[in-house]
């Protein structure tokens, strides 16, 4: 039995839209002060009455409606209240592997990177859907408004996860009673889901072809580059994505979708990106090698000051062959690099390589991982 005092009730307007989307018939009562919602046949009909004249009566009727819906669906009242309250949102959950989780928590550095890279990925997805272009030069500008409208929800237990709520809008009817076209926010989420599905297929068949063939409704070049950074910078060997789409809008994808993405897809993403990338666009490269020198102006164990911390990695790039590259690291990463150097471990770098007066360096955002 649920406790109504501890229940966060959904707004009346959302409850109405939820009932309409689930095929409940709407009828006015008492000159429009009450509304009767019916579901079922003439012989067996469920009825819900709503109204908003008296606040106390409104609360009572919402609680009664939740109980009726719970009885019909066998879904707990508190879960139903949450689903109805989220009726204007599509939800994207990203789960990190258990290897990164300790006492239901993860490193603050990993969380910081995930949120930053996820924001860039959502912006590039918005720019891809809005522009329809293979490469959007100002994707971060075009997609900023959409990313700002998304919300970061409570993380969930189990495999550590991030929940991002994307506004889906309401479903107004056209003059002929048909649903209006899906809003751009819904199309953006569907593009992300399609793209992840293409990545999963590509990983299964070990070919970049599904990614390239799915560009029209999946990842464009910006999205490929930003998702590559999202996965590589998470320090995760895999990531699971779950999409819960509100029934406020119809979809051909299904209301619940999921995709399991592993780091095996990173070379396939790079192959697809290299075929889509114009010659003048900086290319993200993957370099695997050993640390040959370390340099720090700060005490290595001092994690409070960024300072200047650099390492040199002698390795191989698929495009450049053997090379030595310099890269700046965060304090926590520098300690990891010290340990890797001491134990002779290989490392992997992901970033844009540039020739400078000091040799080859990785500039901008970089992913660093000990193998």
Protein backbone atom coordinates (compact mmCIF):
# COMPACT_ATOMS: atom_id res chain seq x y z
CA UNK A 1 0.00 0.00 0.00
CA UNK A 2 1.42 3.37 -0.94
CA UNK A 3 1.63 6.36 1.39
CA UNK A 4 -0.04 9.38 -0.29
CA UNK A 5 1.88 11.73 2.02
CA UNK A 6 5.21 10.57 0.57
CA UNK A 7 4.04 10.53 -3.06
CA UNK A 8 5.01 13.22 -5.54
CA UNK A 9 1.81 13.68 -7.51
CA UNK A 10 1.96 14.37 -11.25
CA UNK A 11 0.37 17.63 -12.47
CA UNK A 12 -3.23 17.35 -13.61
CA UNK A 13 -2.39 18.43 -17.17
CA UNK A 14 0.21 15.67 -17.55
CA UNK A 15 -2.24 13.08 -16.20
CA UNK A 16 -4.79 14.17 -18.82
CA UNK A 17 -2.26 13.85 -21.64
CA UNK A 18 -1.12 10.47 -20.31
CA UNK A 19 -4.68 9.13 -20.37
CA UNK A 20 -5.37 10.46 -23.88
CA UNK A 21 -2.12 8.94 -25.20
CA UNK A 22 -3.17 5.58 -23.74
CA UNK A 23 -6.50 5.65 -25.63
CA UNK A 24 -8.79 6.73 -22.80
CA UNK A 25 -11.89 8.50 -24.15
CA UNK A 26 -12.45 12.03 -22.81
CA UNK A 27 -15.89 13.50 -22.03
CA UNK A 28 -16.93 16.75 -20.25
CA UNK A 29 -19.22 16.66 -17.21
CA UNK A 30 -21.07 19.38 -15.26
CA UNK A 31 -20.56 22.04 -17.87
CA UNK A 32 -16.85 21.33 -18.18
CA UNK A 33 -15.93 21.48 -14.48
CA UNK A 34 -15.24 17.73 -14.49
CA UNK A 35 -13.85 15.33 -17.09
CA UNK A 36 -14.73 11.67 -17.46
CA UNK A 37 -12.07 9.36 -18.96
CA UNK A 38 -13.22 5.90 -20.04
CA UNK A 39 -11.39 2.80 -21.24
CA UNK A 40 -12.80 -0.54 -22.36
CA UNK A 41 -15.97 -1.95 -23.86
CA UNK A 42 -19.56 -1.11 -22.92
CA UNK A 43 -19.77 -4.26 -20.76
CA UNK A 44 -16.49 -3.68 -18.94
CA UNK A 45 -15.41 -0.06 -18.67
CA UNK A 46 -12.89 1.62 -16.36
CA UNK A 47 -13.66 5.23 -15.49
CA UNK A 48 -11.59 8.09 -14.08
CA UNK A 49 -13.07 11.48 -13.17
CA UNK A 50 -10.82 14.54 -12.97
CA UNK A 51 -11.47 18.17 -12.14
CA UNK A 52 -9.58 21.27 -11.05
CA UNK A 53 -12.18 23.45 -9.28
CA UNK A 54 -11.19 22.62 -5.69
CA UNK A 55 -7.47 21.92 -4.99
CA UNK A 56 -8.28 19.34 -2.30
CA UNK A 57 -10.71 17.58 -4.63
CA UNK A 58 -8.11 17.66 -7.43
CA UNK A 59 -5.52 15.90 -5.24
CA UNK A 60 -8.09 13.30 -4.18
CA UNK A 61 -9.08 12.58 -7.79
CA UNK A 62 -5.43 12.29 -8.93
CA UNK A 63 -4.78 9.74 -6.16
CA UNK A 64 -7.88 7.78 -7.17
CA UNK A 65 -6.76 7.85 -10.81
CA UNK A 66 -3.30 6.53 -9.89
CA UNK A 67 -4.84 3.69 -7.90
CA UNK A 68 -7.16 2.73 -10.78
CA UNK A 69 -4.26 2.80 -13.27
CA UNK A 70 -2.15 0.73 -10.88
CA UNK A 71 -4.90 -1.88 -10.51
CA UNK A 72 -5.30 -2.13 -14.29
CA UNK A 73 -1.58 -2.36 -15.09
CA UNK A 74 -0.16 -4.01 -11.93
CA UNK A 75 2.41 -1.20 -11.88
CA UNK A 76 3.08 0.26 -8.39
CA UNK A 77 1.49 3.66 -7.74
CA UNK A 78 4.78 5.41 -7.01
CA UNK A 79 6.28 4.19 -10.29
CA UNK A 80 3.18 5.28 -12.21
CA UNK A 81 3.35 8.72 -10.61
CA UNK A 82 6.97 9.01 -11.74
CA UNK A 83 6.18 7.86 -15.31
CA UNK A 84 3.31 10.34 -15.64
CA UNK A 85 5.42 13.17 -14.20
CA UNK A 86 8.04 12.34 -16.88
CA UNK A 87 5.46 12.26 -19.68
CA UNK A 88 6.98 15.34 -21.35
CA UNK A 89 10.47 13.79 -21.44
CA UNK A 90 12.38 11.07 -23.24
CA UNK A 91 14.99 9.54 -20.93
CA UNK A 92 18.47 8.37 -21.93
CA UNK A 93 20.28 6.18 -19.39
CA UNK A 94 23.99 5.41 -19.76
CA UNK A 95 25.42 2.64 -17.58
CA UNK A 96 29.13 2.25 -16.84
CA UNK A 97 30.66 -1.18 -16.16
CA UNK A 98 30.99 -2.53 -12.61
CA UNK A 99 34.79 -2.38 -12.85
CA UNK A 100 34.59 1.43 -12.44
CA UNK A 101 32.19 1.28 -9.47
CA UNK A 102 33.22 1.22 -5.82
CA UNK A 103 30.56 1.44 -3.07
CA UNK A 104 27.96 2.66 -5.62
CA UNK A 105 30.22 5.53 -6.67
CA UNK A 106 32.73 6.34 -9.39
CA UNK A 107 35.76 8.63 -9.66
CA UNK A 108 34.83 12.32 -9.77
CA UNK A 109 37.19 12.67 -12.75
CA UNK A 110 35.25 10.04 -14.72
CA UNK A 111 31.93 11.68 -13.82
CA UNK A 112 33.24 15.10 -14.85
CA UNK A 113 34.43 13.78 -18.19
CA UNK A 114 31.22 11.92 -18.86
CA UNK A 115 29.00 14.94 -18.24
CA UNK A 116 31.18 17.24 -20.38
CA UNK A 117 31.47 14.79 -23.27
CA UNK A 118 27.78 13.83 -23.07
CA UNK A 119 26.82 17.49 -23.38
CA UNK A 120 28.97 17.87 -26.51
CA UNK A 121 27.49 14.67 -27.95
CA UNK A 122 23.92 15.88 -27.34
CA UNK A 123 24.78 19.22 -28.99
CA UNK A 124 26.24 17.51 -32.06
CA UNK A 125 23.16 15.26 -32.30
CA UNK A 126 20.91 18.31 -32.23
CA UNK A 127 23.00 20.06 -34.88
CA UNK A 128 22.93 16.95 -37.10
CA UNK A 129 19.13 16.66 -36.91
CA UNK A 130 18.45 20.39 -37.30
CA UNK A 131 20.87 20.95 -40.19
CA UNK A 132 20.74 17.59 -41.94
CA UNK A 133 24.44 18.05 -42.79
CA UNK A 134 27.18 15.43 -42.71
CA UNK A 135 29.53 17.90 -40.98
CA UNK A 136 28.36 20.97 -39.04
CA UNK A 137 31.12 23.54 -38.50
CA UNK A 138 29.31 25.30 -35.64
CA UNK A 139 27.60 22.26 -34.09
CA UNK A 140 28.22 23.45 -30.52
CA UNK A 141 26.37 26.71 -31.23
CA UNK A 142 23.44 25.15 -33.08
CA UNK A 143 22.90 22.45 -30.49
CA UNK A 144 23.46 24.55 -27.35
CA UNK A 145 19.81 25.46 -26.77
CA UNK A 146 18.74 21.83 -26.96
CA UNK A 147 21.50 20.65 -24.61
CA UNK A 148 20.55 23.38 -22.14
CA UNK A 149 16.93 22.17 -22.16
CA UNK A 150 17.97 18.65 -21.13
CA UNK A 151 18.06 17.75 -17.45
CA UNK A 152 20.48 15.61 -15.45
CA UNK A 153 18.42 13.25 -13.29
CA UNK A 154 19.32 11.23 -10.21
CA UNK A 155 21.83 8.51 -10.95
CA UNK A 156 20.60 4.98 -10.36
CA UNK A 157 22.01 2.03 -8.45
CA UNK A 158 23.34 -1.25 -9.78
CA UNK A 159 25.80 -0.67 -12.58
CA UNK A 160 26.54 3.03 -12.07
CA UNK A 161 24.44 5.10 -14.43
CA UNK A 162 23.68 8.60 -15.61
CA UNK A 163 20.12 9.58 -16.53
CA UNK A 164 19.58 12.45 -18.97
CA UNK A 165 16.06 13.76 -19.56
CA UNK A 166 15.33 15.21 -22.99
CA UNK A 167 12.20 17.37 -23.34
CA UNK A 168 9.77 15.76 -25.77
CA UNK A 169 7.02 18.37 -25.70
CA UNK A 170 3.31 17.71 -25.82
CA UNK A 171 1.34 16.18 -28.68
CA UNK A 172 -1.11 18.79 -29.98
CA UNK A 173 -3.65 17.70 -32.57
CA UNK A 174 -4.06 19.19 -36.02
CA UNK A 175 -7.42 20.51 -37.21
CA UNK A 176 -8.34 17.14 -38.71
CA UNK A 177 -7.63 15.37 -35.41
CA UNK A 178 -4.39 13.72 -36.53
CA UNK A 179 -1.24 13.98 -34.39
CA UNK A 180 1.10 16.77 -35.48
CA UNK A 181 4.61 15.86 -36.76
CA UNK A 182 7.15 14.72 -34.16
CA UNK A 183 9.04 17.64 -32.60
CA UNK A 184 12.74 18.09 -33.25
CA UNK A 185 13.60 17.03 -29.67
CA UNK A 186 12.08 13.59 -30.28
CA UNK A 187 13.85 13.28 -33.64
CA UNK A 188 17.20 14.12 -31.97
CA UNK A 189 16.76 11.31 -29.44
CA UNK A 190 15.72 8.89 -32.18
CA UNK A 191 18.84 9.84 -34.16
CA UNK A 192 21.01 9.03 -31.14
CA UNK A 193 19.22 5.69 -30.66
CA UNK A 194 19.55 4.82 -34.37
CA UNK A 195 23.24 5.71 -34.37
CA UNK A 196 23.97 3.55 -31.33
CA UNK A 197 22.09 0.67 -32.95
CA UNK A 198 24.28 1.06 -36.06
CA UNK A 199 27.41 1.01 -33.85
CA UNK A 200 26.24 -2.18 -32.16
CA UNK A 201 25.68 -3.89 -35.52
CA UNK A 202 29.04 -2.65 -36.80
CA UNK A 203 30.77 -4.14 -33.76
CA UNK A 204 28.99 -7.47 -34.28
CA UNK A 205 29.99 -7.76 -37.96
CA UNK A 206 33.39 -6.06 -37.42
CA UNK A 207 32.82 -3.60 -40.23
CA UNK A 208 32.29 0.17 -40.43
CA UNK A 209 29.72 -0.30 -43.22
CA UNK A 210 26.61 -0.21 -40.94
CA UNK A 211 27.82 3.14 -39.54
CA UNK A 212 28.36 4.60 -43.00
CA UNK A 213 25.08 3.23 -44.34
CA UNK A 214 23.20 4.69 -41.38
CA UNK A 215 24.46 8.27 -41.65
CA UNK A 216 21.09 9.59 -42.86
CA UNK A 217 19.24 8.66 -39.66
CA UNK A 218 22.20 8.00 -37.34
CA UNK A 219 25.57 9.54 -36.51
CA UNK A 220 27.03 12.23 -38.74
CA UNK A 221 30.75 13.09 -38.54
CA UNK A 222 30.35 15.43 -35.54
CA UNK A 223 28.46 12.78 -33.61
CA UNK A 224 31.03 10.10 -34.44
CA UNK A 225 33.87 12.28 -33.18
CA UNK A 226 32.04 13.34 -30.02
CA UNK A 227 30.86 9.82 -29.21
CA UNK A 228 34.39 8.53 -29.73
CA UNK A 229 35.56 11.03 -27.10
CA UNK A 230 32.64 10.13 -24.79
CA UNK A 231 33.50 6.42 -24.82
CA UNK A 232 37.28 6.79 -24.76
CA UNK A 233 37.31 9.46 -22.03
CA UNK A 234 35.03 7.43 -19.76
CA UNK A 235 37.85 4.91 -19.11
CA UNK A 236 35.16 2.26 -19.63
CA UNK A 237 35.60 -0.89 -21.67
CA UNK A 238 31.87 -0.84 -22.37
CA UNK A 239 28.78 1.29 -21.88
CA UNK A 240 25.10 0.38 -22.05
CA UNK A 241 22.50 2.88 -23.26
CA UNK A 242 18.78 2.59 -22.53
CA UNK A 243 16.15 4.87 -24.07
CA UNK A 244 12.66 5.27 -22.65
CA UNK A 245 10.52 7.27 -25.07
CA UNK A 246 7.34 8.89 -23.85
CA UNK A 247 4.16 7.68 -25.58
CA UNK A 248 3.22 11.35 -26.03
CA UNK A 249 4.61 10.90 -29.53
CA UNK A 250 4.45 7.86 -31.82
CA UNK A 251 7.74 6.24 -32.81
CA UNK A 252 8.76 3.47 -35.19
CA UNK A 253 11.64 2.50 -32.89
CA UNK A 254 9.65 1.17 -29.93
CA UNK A 255 9.14 2.88 -26.58
CA UNK A 256 12.10 1.15 -24.91
CA UNK A 257 15.43 0.70 -26.69
CA UNK A 258 18.89 -0.39 -25.61
CA UNK A 259 22.37 -0.75 -27.06
CA UNK A 260 25.53 -2.30 -25.60
CA UNK A 261 28.63 -0.53 -26.90
CA UNK A 262 32.16 -1.82 -26.23
CA UNK A 263 35.55 -0.24 -26.87
CA UNK A 264 35.96 -2.67 -29.80
CA UNK A 265 33.89 -0.21 -31.84
CA UNK A 266 36.44 2.63 -31.50
CA UNK A 267 38.57 1.55 -34.52
CA UNK A 268 35.39 1.15 -36.59
CA UNK A 269 34.28 4.66 -35.62
CA UNK A 270 37.66 5.97 -36.73
CA UNK A 271 37.41 4.07 -40.04
CA UNK A 272 33.95 5.51 -40.70
CA UNK A 273 35.02 9.02 -39.67
CA UNK A 274 38.10 8.93 -41.90
CA UNK A 275 35.89 8.13 -44.90
CA UNK A 276 33.44 10.91 -44.06
CA UNK A 277 35.96 13.54 -43.01
CA UNK A 278 36.92 16.28 -45.51
CA UNK A 279 40.65 16.76 -45.98
CA UNK A 280 40.86 20.01 -43.99
CA UNK A 281 39.17 18.73 -40.80
CA UNK A 282 41.49 17.76 -37.91
CA UNK A 283 41.55 14.00 -37.43
CA UNK A 284 41.35 12.22 -34.10
CA UNK A 285 44.06 9.57 -33.86
CA UNK A 286 44.63 6.58 -31.60
CA UNK A 287 48.20 6.01 -30.41
CA UNK A 288 49.34 2.96 -28.46
CA UNK A 289 52.81 2.82 -26.97
CA UNK A 290 55.02 3.08 -23.89
CA UNK A 291 55.83 6.09 -21.73
CA UNK A 292 59.42 7.19 -22.31
CA UNK A 293 59.55 10.29 -20.10
CA UNK A 294 57.57 12.20 -17.49
CA UNK A 295 57.80 15.85 -16.45
CA UNK A 296 56.00 17.73 -13.66
CA UNK A 297 56.43 21.18 -12.09
CA UNK A 298 54.24 20.07 -9.18
CA UNK A 299 54.65 17.32 -6.60
CA UNK A 300 53.10 14.32 -8.40
CA UNK A 301 50.88 13.42 -5.41
CA UNK A 302 49.49 16.98 -5.17
CA UNK A 303 46.08 16.54 -6.82
CA UNK A 304 44.84 20.05 -5.98
CA UNK A 305 47.03 21.95 -8.45
CA UNK A 306 46.91 21.21 -12.15
CA UNK A 307 50.30 22.78 -12.90
CA UNK A 308 52.33 21.47 -15.82
CA UNK A 309 52.33 17.69 -16.07
CA UNK A 310 53.46 16.12 -19.35
CA UNK A 311 54.49 12.71 -20.54
CA UNK A 312 56.09 11.45 -23.72
CA UNK A 313 54.72 8.33 -25.39
CA UNK A 314 56.61 6.38 -28.03
CA UNK A 315 54.13 4.44 -30.06
CA UNK A 316 52.32 3.78 -33.32
CA UNK A 317 49.64 5.74 -35.15
CA UNK A 318 47.68 4.07 -37.95
CA UNK A 319 48.16 7.18 -40.10
CA UNK A 320 51.66 8.37 -39.10
CA UNK A 321 53.42 5.15 -38.18
CA UNK A 322 56.04 5.25 -35.36
CA UNK A 323 56.26 8.55 -33.46
CA UNK A 324 56.88 10.12 -30.07
CA UNK A 325 54.08 12.39 -28.88
CA UNK A 326 53.83 14.80 -25.94
CA UNK A 327 50.63 15.11 -23.97
CA UNK A 328 49.50 17.13 -20.93
CA UNK A 329 47.70 15.16 -18.24
CA UNK A 330 45.51 15.93 -15.27
CA UNK A 331 47.05 15.28 -11.80
CA UNK A 332 45.17 12.01 -11.27
CA UNK A 333 46.13 10.78 -14.74
CA UNK A 334 49.78 11.72 -14.13
CA UNK A 335 49.89 9.46 -11.05
CA UNK A 336 48.44 6.65 -13.18
CA UNK A 337 51.11 7.35 -15.82
CA UNK A 338 53.85 7.14 -13.17
CA UNK A 339 52.61 3.72 -12.13
CA UNK A 340 52.32 2.56 -15.76
CA UNK A 341 55.88 3.71 -16.48
CA UNK A 342 57.20 1.95 -13.36
CA UNK A 343 55.54 -1.33 -14.39
CA UNK A 344 56.24 -1.09 -18.14
CA UNK A 345 52.55 -0.95 -19.10
CA UNK A 346 51.38 0.18 -22.52
CA UNK A 347 49.07 3.20 -22.74
CA UNK A 348 46.55 4.44 -25.29
CA UNK A 349 46.03 8.07 -26.26
CA UNK A 350 43.12 9.44 -28.30
CA UNK A 351 43.27 13.00 -29.62
CA UNK A 352 44.31 15.36 -32.41
CA UNK A 353 48.06 15.23 -33.14
CA UNK A 354 49.77 18.45 -34.21
CA UNK A 355 53.36 19.22 -35.16
CA UNK A 356 54.81 21.94 -32.90
CA UNK A 357 58.24 23.45 -32.27
CA UNK A 358 58.69 20.81 -29.57
CA UNK A 359 57.75 17.87 -31.81
CA UNK A 360 54.41 16.08 -32.03
CA UNK A 361 51.81 16.96 -29.38
CA UNK A 362 48.23 16.03 -28.71
CA UNK A 363 46.12 19.19 -28.47
CA UNK A 364 42.63 19.82 -27.12
CA UNK A 365 40.62 17.06 -25.44
CA UNK A 366 42.60 13.86 -24.89
CA UNK A 367 41.73 10.38 -23.65
CA UNK A 368 44.42 8.56 -21.68
CA UNK A 369 44.14 4.89 -20.71
CA UNK A 370 46.56 2.30 -19.33
CA UNK A 371 46.29 -1.06 -21.11
